């Protein structure tokens, strides 16, 4: 199942935005304890490539393996 990555708009708390992922129609946000499912839509988030998501993780000091651990939704 493919994963699409997005980045939210920058804010004071998150100057480089937050990293989001969509898998199986579910939206997740990368949090300190891993991926958390969030409701709603990411209306103001911008699509980013896998390479851009990797760059974001490196800049923020996050483990790149997190990009491969986006949960598969259970319905």
PDB file of N, CA and C in Angstrom:
ATOM      1  N   UNK A   1       0.849  -1.171   0.000  1.00  0.00           N
ATOM      2  CA  UNK A   1       0.000   0.000   0.000  1.00  0.00           C
ATOM      3  C   UNK A   1       0.900   1.242   0.000  1.00  0.00           C
ATOM      4  N   UNK A   2       0.688   2.097  -0.958  1.00  0.00           N
ATOM      5  CA  UNK A   2       1.511   3.294  -1.108  1.00  0.00           C
ATOM      6  C   UNK A   2       1.280   4.305   0.002  1.00  0.00           C
ATOM      7  N   UNK A   3       2.318   5.085   0.262  1.00  0.00           N
ATOM      8  CA  UNK A   3       2.269   6.166   1.254  1.00  0.00           C
ATOM      9  C   UNK A   3       2.545   7.472   0.529  1.00  0.00           C
ATOM     10  N   UNK A   4       1.733   8.478   0.804  1.00  0.00           N
ATOM     11  CA  UNK A   4       1.978   9.834   0.309  1.00  0.00           C
ATOM     12  C   UNK A   4       2.354  10.692   1.502  1.00  0.00           C
ATOM     13  N   UNK A   5       3.334  11.564   1.311  1.00  0.00           N
ATOM     14  CA  UNK A   5       3.785  12.446   2.388  1.00  0.00           C
ATOM     15  C   UNK A   5       3.358  13.872   2.090  1.00  0.00           C
ATOM     16  N   UNK A   6       3.106  14.624   3.175  1.00  0.00           N
ATOM     17  CA  UNK A   6       2.743  16.032   3.075  1.00  0.00           C
ATOM     18  C   UNK A   6       3.455  16.778   4.185  1.00  0.00           C
ATOM     19  N   UNK A   7       3.560  18.087   4.011  1.00  0.00           N
ATOM     20  CA  UNK A   7       4.142  18.931   5.055  1.00  0.00           C
ATOM     21  C   UNK A   7       3.196  20.084   5.306  1.00  0.00           C
ATOM     22  N   UNK A   8       2.935  20.339   6.583  1.00  0.00           N
ATOM     23  CA  UNK A   8       2.027  21.422   6.943  1.00  0.00           C
ATOM     24  C   UNK A   8       2.745  22.768   6.808  1.00  0.00           C
ATOM     25  N   UNK A   9       1.962  23.813   6.865  1.00  0.00           N
ATOM     26  CA  UNK A   9       2.515  25.165   6.852  1.00  0.00           C
ATOM     27  C   UNK A   9       3.359  25.380   8.109  1.00  0.00           C
ATOM     28  N   UNK A  10       4.418  26.152   8.008  1.00  0.00           N
ATOM     29  CA  UNK A  10       5.220  26.465   9.197  1.00  0.00           C
ATOM     30  C   UNK A  10       4.415  27.264  10.215  1.00  0.00           C
ATOM     31  N   UNK A  11       4.721  27.022  11.493  1.00  0.00           N
ATOM     32  CA  UNK A  11       4.129  27.789  12.592  1.00  0.00           C
ATOM     33  C   UNK A  11       5.258  28.141  13.558  1.00  0.00           C
ATOM     34  N   UNK A  12       4.946  28.913  14.576  1.00  0.00           N
ATOM     35  CA  UNK A  12       5.989  29.250  15.557  1.00  0.00           C
ATOM     36  C   UNK A  12       6.500  27.989  16.252  1.00  0.00           C
ATOM     37  N   UNK A  13       5.604  27.070  16.584  1.00  0.00           N
ATOM     38  CA  UNK A  13       6.000  25.846  17.275  1.00  0.00           C
ATOM     39  C   UNK A  13       6.716  24.873  16.341  1.00  0.00           C
ATOM     40  N   UNK A  14       6.388  24.908  15.058  1.00  0.00           N
ATOM     41  CA  UNK A  14       6.974  24.007  14.067  1.00  0.00           C
ATOM     42  C   UNK A  14       7.426  24.825  12.858  1.00  0.00           C
ATOM     43  N   UNK A  15       8.593  25.470  12.955  1.00  0.00           N
ATOM     44  CA  UNK A  15       9.053  26.381  11.901  1.00  0.00           C
ATOM     45  C   UNK A  15       9.217  25.732  10.524  1.00  0.00           C
ATOM     46  N   UNK A  16       9.394  24.423  10.472  1.00  0.00           N
ATOM     47  CA  UNK A  16       9.495  23.722   9.184  1.00  0.00           C
ATOM     48  C   UNK A  16       8.238  22.920   8.902  1.00  0.00           C
ATOM     49  N   UNK A  17       7.166  23.209   9.629  1.00  0.00           N
ATOM     50  CA  UNK A  17       5.919  22.471   9.462  1.00  0.00           C
ATOM     51  C   UNK A  17       6.008  21.105  10.125  1.00  0.00           C
ATOM     52  N   UNK A  18       4.953  20.331   9.977  1.00  0.00           N
ATOM     53  CA  UNK A  18       4.926  18.969  10.506  1.00  0.00           C
ATOM     54  C   UNK A  18       4.803  18.011   9.340  1.00  0.00           C
ATOM     55  N   UNK A  19       5.308  16.811   9.525  1.00  0.00           N
ATOM     56  CA  UNK A  19       5.253  15.808   8.476  1.00  0.00           C
ATOM     57  C   UNK A  19       3.997  14.959   8.649  1.00  0.00           C
ATOM     58  N   UNK A  20       3.255  14.832   7.565  1.00  0.00           N
ATOM     59  CA  UNK A  20       2.051  14.025   7.536  1.00  0.00           C
ATOM     60  C   UNK A  20       2.236  12.892   6.536  1.00  0.00           C
ATOM     61  N   UNK A  21       1.426  11.867   6.680  1.00  0.00           N
ATOM     62  CA  UNK A  21       1.425  10.769   5.726  1.00  0.00           C
ATOM     63  C   UNK A  21      -0.004  10.306   5.515  1.00  0.00           C
ATOM     64  N   UNK A  22      -0.286   9.871   4.306  1.00  0.00           N
ATOM     65  CA  UNK A  22      -1.587   9.295   3.981  1.00  0.00           C
ATOM     66  C   UNK A  22      -1.333   7.882   3.485  1.00  0.00           C
ATOM     67  N   UNK A  23      -1.994   6.933   4.133  1.00  0.00           N
ATOM     68  CA  UNK A  23      -1.878   5.535   3.725  1.00  0.00           C
ATOM     69  C   UNK A  23      -3.259   4.901   3.842  1.00  0.00           C
ATOM     70  N   UNK A  24      -3.694   4.287   2.755  1.00  0.00           N
ATOM     71  CA  UNK A  24      -5.009   3.646   2.772  1.00  0.00           C
ATOM     72  C   UNK A  24      -6.135   4.607   3.078  1.00  0.00           C
ATOM     73  N   UNK A  25      -5.972   5.874   2.688  1.00  0.00           N
ATOM     74  CA  UNK A  25      -7.001   6.876   2.934  1.00  0.00           C
ATOM     75  C   UNK A  25      -7.003   7.457   4.341  1.00  0.00           C
ATOM     76  N   UNK A  26      -6.096   7.016   5.203  1.00  0.00           N
ATOM     77  CA  UNK A  26      -5.982   7.534   6.581  1.00  0.00           C
ATOM     78  C   UNK A  26      -4.866   8.551   6.656  1.00  0.00           C
ATOM     79  N   UNK A  27      -5.094   9.593   7.446  1.00  0.00           N
ATOM     80  CA  UNK A  27      -4.123  10.665   7.620  1.00  0.00           C
ATOM     81  C   UNK A  27      -3.411  10.494   8.962  1.00  0.00           C
ATOM     82  N   UNK A  28      -2.083  10.577   8.915  1.00  0.00           N
ATOM     83  CA  UNK A  28      -1.253  10.428  10.106  1.00  0.00           C
ATOM     84  C   UNK A  28      -0.323  11.631  10.240  1.00  0.00           C
ATOM     85  N   UNK A  29       0.042  11.953  11.474  1.00  0.00           N
ATOM     86  CA  UNK A  29       1.030  12.986  11.749  1.00  0.00           C
ATOM     87  C   UNK A  29       2.192  12.317  12.482  1.00  0.00           C
ATOM     88  N   UNK A  30       3.408  12.728  12.147  1.00  0.00           N
ATOM     89  CA  UNK A  30       4.584  12.178  12.821  1.00  0.00           C
ATOM     90  C   UNK A  30       4.742  12.887  14.160  1.00  0.00           C
ATOM     91  N   UNK A  31       4.713  12.098  15.222  1.00  0.00           N
ATOM     92  CA  UNK A  31       4.798  12.607  16.594  1.00  0.00           C
ATOM     93  C   UNK A  31       5.984  11.939  17.280  1.00  0.00           C
ATOM     94  N   UNK A  32       6.386  12.436  18.456  1.00  0.00           N
ATOM     95  CA  UNK A  32       7.536  11.852  19.147  1.00  0.00           C
ATOM     96  C   UNK A  32       7.430  10.345  19.396  1.00  0.00           C
ATOM     97  N   UNK A  33       6.217   9.839  19.518  1.00  0.00           N
ATOM     98  CA  UNK A  33       6.059   8.401  19.764  1.00  0.00           C
ATOM     99  C   UNK A  33       5.711   7.616  18.502  1.00  0.00           C
ATOM    100  N   UNK A  34       5.891   8.207  17.339  1.00  0.00           N
ATOM    101  CA  UNK A  34       5.601   7.537  16.066  1.00  0.00           C
ATOM    102  C   UNK A  34       4.451   8.223  15.349  1.00  0.00           C
ATOM    103  N   UNK A  35       3.783   7.480  14.495  1.00  0.00           N
ATOM    104  CA  UNK A  35       2.696   8.031  13.698  1.00  0.00           C
ATOM    105  C   UNK A  35       1.388   7.968  14.467  1.00  0.00           C
ATOM    106  N   UNK A  36       0.694   9.098  14.541  1.00  0.00           N
ATOM    107  CA  UNK A  36      -0.620   9.176  15.187  1.00  0.00           C
ATOM    108  C   UNK A  36      -1.665   9.470  14.121  1.00  0.00           C
ATOM    109  N   UNK A  37      -2.742   8.704  14.148  1.00  0.00           N
ATOM    110  CA  UNK A  37      -3.832   8.954  13.210  1.00  0.00           C
ATOM    111  C   UNK A  37      -4.543  10.244  13.626  1.00  0.00           C
ATOM    112  N   UNK A  38      -4.898  11.036  12.645  1.00  0.00           N
ATOM    113  CA  UNK A  38      -5.640  12.270  12.910  1.00  0.00           C
ATOM    114  C   UNK A  38      -6.857  12.291  11.994  1.00  0.00           C
ATOM    115  N   UNK A  39      -7.893  12.900  12.464  1.00  0.00           N
ATOM    116  CA  UNK A  39      -9.113  12.998  11.667  1.00  0.00           C
ATOM    117  C   UNK A  39      -9.062  14.223  10.766  1.00  0.00           C
ATOM    118  N   UNK A  40      -9.988  14.288   9.889  1.00  0.00           N
ATOM    119  CA  UNK A  40     -10.093  15.455   9.028  1.00  0.00           C
ATOM    120  C   UNK A  40      -9.228  15.363   7.784  1.00  0.00           C
ATOM    121  N   UNK A  41      -8.994  16.525   7.204  1.00  0.00           N
ATOM    122  CA  UNK A  41      -8.215  16.608   5.971  1.00  0.00           C
ATOM    123  C   UNK A  41      -7.052  17.560   6.179  1.00  0.00           C
ATOM    124  N   UNK A  42      -6.072  17.415   5.354  1.00  0.00           N
ATOM    125  CA  UNK A  42      -4.891  18.280   5.408  1.00  0.00           C
ATOM    126  C   UNK A  42      -5.019  19.336   4.306  1.00  0.00           C
ATOM    127  N   UNK A  43      -5.947  20.257   4.495  1.00  0.00           N
ATOM    128  CA  UNK A  43      -6.269  21.224   3.449  1.00  0.00           C
ATOM    129  C   UNK A  43      -5.116  22.145   3.077  1.00  0.00           C
ATOM    130  N   UNK A  44      -4.301  22.524   4.043  1.00  0.00           N
ATOM    131  CA  UNK A  44      -3.238  23.482   3.759  1.00  0.00           C
ATOM    132  C   UNK A  44      -1.862  22.832   3.728  1.00  0.00           C
ATOM    133  N   UNK A  45      -1.823  21.518   3.709  1.00  0.00           N
ATOM    134  CA  UNK A  45      -0.547  20.808   3.633  1.00  0.00           C
ATOM    135  C   UNK A  45      -0.138  20.667   2.165  1.00  0.00           C
ATOM    136  N   UNK A  46       1.166  20.650   1.958  1.00  0.00           N
ATOM    137  CA  UNK A  46       1.709  20.548   0.612  1.00  0.00           C
ATOM    138  C   UNK A  46       2.315  19.161   0.399  1.00  0.00           C
ATOM    139  N   UNK A  47       2.020  18.536  -0.738  1.00  0.00           N
ATOM    140  CA  UNK A  47       2.633  17.241  -1.015  1.00  0.00           C
ATOM    141  C   UNK A  47       4.153  17.371  -1.088  1.00  0.00           C
ATOM    142  N   UNK A  48       4.842  16.371  -0.560  1.00  0.00           N
ATOM    143  CA  UNK A  48       6.303  16.322  -0.655  1.00  0.00           C
ATOM    144  C   UNK A  48       6.702  14.926  -1.124  1.00  0.00           C
ATOM    145  N   UNK A  49       7.825  14.855  -1.775  1.00  0.00           N
ATOM    146  CA  UNK A  49       8.342  13.572  -2.243  1.00  0.00           C
ATOM    147  C   UNK A  49       8.959  12.805  -1.085  1.00  0.00           C
ATOM    148  N   UNK A  50       9.279  11.565  -1.317  1.00  0.00           N
ATOM    149  CA  UNK A  50       9.952  10.749  -0.298  1.00  0.00           C
ATOM    150  C   UNK A  50      11.292  11.391   0.056  1.00  0.00           C
ATOM    151  N   UNK A  51      12.017  11.880  -0.939  1.00  0.00           N
ATOM    152  CA  UNK A  51      13.312  12.521  -0.690  1.00  0.00           C
ATOM    153  C   UNK A  51      13.141  13.768   0.168  1.00  0.00           C
ATOM    154  N   UNK A  52      12.116  14.563  -0.109  1.00  0.00           N
ATOM    155  CA  UNK A  52      11.858  15.751   0.703  1.00  0.00           C
ATOM    156  C   UNK A  52      11.466  15.362   2.129  1.00  0.00           C
ATOM    157  N   UNK A  53      10.704  14.266   2.279  1.00  0.00           N
ATOM    158  CA  UNK A  53      10.351  13.777   3.615  1.00  0.00           C
ATOM    159  C   UNK A  53      11.606  13.323   4.356  1.00  0.00           C
ATOM    160  N   UNK A  54      12.529  12.675   3.653  1.00  0.00           N
ATOM    161  CA  UNK A  54      13.797  12.267   4.257  1.00  0.00           C
ATOM    162  C   UNK A  54      14.600  13.487   4.693  1.00  0.00           C
ATOM    163  N   UNK A  55      14.646  14.510   3.836  1.00  0.00           N
ATOM    164  CA  UNK A  55      15.358  15.746   4.187  1.00  0.00           C
ATOM    165  C   UNK A  55      14.749  16.384   5.430  1.00  0.00           C
ATOM    166  N   UNK A  56      13.418  16.401   5.507  1.00  0.00           N
ATOM    167  CA  UNK A  56      12.735  16.959   6.672  1.00  0.00           C
ATOM    168  C   UNK A  56      13.147  16.197   7.926  1.00  0.00           C
ATOM    169  N   UNK A  57      13.121  14.866   7.861  1.00  0.00           N
ATOM    170  CA  UNK A  57      13.499  14.034   9.015  1.00  0.00           C
ATOM    171  C   UNK A  57      14.939  14.311   9.435  1.00  0.00           C
ATOM    172  N   UNK A  58      15.841  14.365   8.470  1.00  0.00           N
ATOM    173  CA  UNK A  58      17.250  14.620   8.797  1.00  0.00           C
ATOM    174  C   UNK A  58      17.416  15.970   9.471  1.00  0.00           C
ATOM    175  N   UNK A  59      16.760  16.990   8.944  1.00  0.00           N
ATOM    176  CA  UNK A  59      16.880  18.335   9.510  1.00  0.00           C
ATOM    177  C   UNK A  59      16.326  18.387  10.931  1.00  0.00           C
ATOM    178  N   UNK A  60      15.217  17.657  11.163  1.00  0.00           N
ATOM    179  CA  UNK A  60      14.567  17.663  12.474  1.00  0.00           C
ATOM    180  C   UNK A  60      15.186  16.662  13.446  1.00  0.00           C
ATOM    181  N   UNK A  61      16.089  15.819  12.965  1.00  0.00           N
ATOM    182  CA  UNK A  61      16.737  14.826  13.819  1.00  0.00           C
ATOM    183  C   UNK A  61      15.911  13.572  14.052  1.00  0.00           C
ATOM    184  N   UNK A  62      14.990  13.258  13.145  1.00  0.00           N
ATOM    185  CA  UNK A  62      14.133  12.078  13.250  1.00  0.00           C
ATOM    186  C   UNK A  62      14.785  10.920  12.495  1.00  0.00           C
ATOM    187  N   UNK A  63      14.545   9.720  12.974  1.00  0.00           N
ATOM    188  CA  UNK A  63      15.041   8.504  12.347  1.00  0.00           C
ATOM    189  C   UNK A  63      14.351   8.304  10.989  1.00  0.00           C
ATOM    190  N   UNK A  64      15.129   8.101   9.933  1.00  0.00           N
ATOM    191  CA  UNK A  64      14.559   7.912   8.596  1.00  0.00           C
ATOM    192  C   UNK A  64      13.700   6.655   8.501  1.00  0.00           C
ATOM    193  N   UNK A  65      13.939   5.684   9.360  1.00  0.00           N
ATOM    194  CA  UNK A  65      13.143   4.457   9.337  1.00  0.00           C
ATOM    195  C   UNK A  65      11.676   4.714   9.665  1.00  0.00           C
ATOM    196  N   UNK A  66      11.381   5.850  10.280  1.00  0.00           N
ATOM    197  CA  UNK A  66       9.990   6.193  10.580  1.00  0.00           C
ATOM    198  C   UNK A  66       9.161   6.322   9.303  1.00  0.00           C
ATOM    199  N   UNK A  67       9.807   6.696   8.217  1.00  0.00           N
ATOM    200  CA  UNK A  67       9.079   6.845   6.956  1.00  0.00           C
ATOM    201  C   UNK A  67       8.555   5.508   6.448  1.00  0.00           C
ATOM    202  N   UNK A  68       9.192   4.424   6.866  1.00  0.00           N
ATOM    203  CA  UNK A  68       8.753   3.088   6.462  1.00  0.00           C
ATOM    204  C   UNK A  68       7.811   2.451   7.468  1.00  0.00           C
ATOM    205  N   UNK A  69       7.478   3.169   8.527  1.00  0.00           N
ATOM    206  CA  UNK A  69       6.635   2.583   9.573  1.00  0.00           C
ATOM    207  C   UNK A  69       5.256   3.232   9.679  1.00  0.00           C
ATOM    208  N   UNK A  70       4.807   3.870   8.610  1.00  0.00           N
ATOM    209  CA  UNK A  70       3.446   4.426   8.608  1.00  0.00           C
ATOM    210  C   UNK A  70       2.480   3.240   8.724  1.00  0.00           C
ATOM    211  N   UNK A  71       1.583   3.256   9.708  1.00  0.00           N
ATOM    212  CA  UNK A  71       0.699   2.109   9.920  1.00  0.00           C
ATOM    213  C   UNK A  71      -0.193   1.798   8.715  1.00  0.00           C
ATOM    214  N   UNK A  72      -0.508   0.538   8.567  1.00  0.00           N
ATOM    215  CA  UNK A  72      -1.504   0.114   7.573  1.00  0.00           C
ATOM    216  C   UNK A  72      -2.852   0.139   8.298  1.00  0.00           C
ATOM    217  N   UNK A  73      -3.792   0.938   7.787  1.00  0.00           N
ATOM    218  CA  UNK A  73      -5.072   1.062   8.495  1.00  0.00           C
ATOM    219  C   UNK A  73      -5.841  -0.260   8.506  1.00  0.00           C
ATOM    220  N   UNK A  74      -6.486  -0.502   9.623  1.00  0.00           N
ATOM    221  CA  UNK A  74      -7.369  -1.659   9.771  1.00  0.00           C
ATOM    222  C   UNK A  74      -8.795  -1.154   9.761  1.00  0.00           C
ATOM    223  N   UNK A  75      -9.596  -1.733   8.937  1.00  0.00           N
ATOM    224  CA  UNK A  75     -10.997  -1.275   8.836  1.00  0.00           C
ATOM    225  C   UNK A  75     -11.931  -2.290   9.415  1.00  0.00           C
TER     226      UNK A  75
END
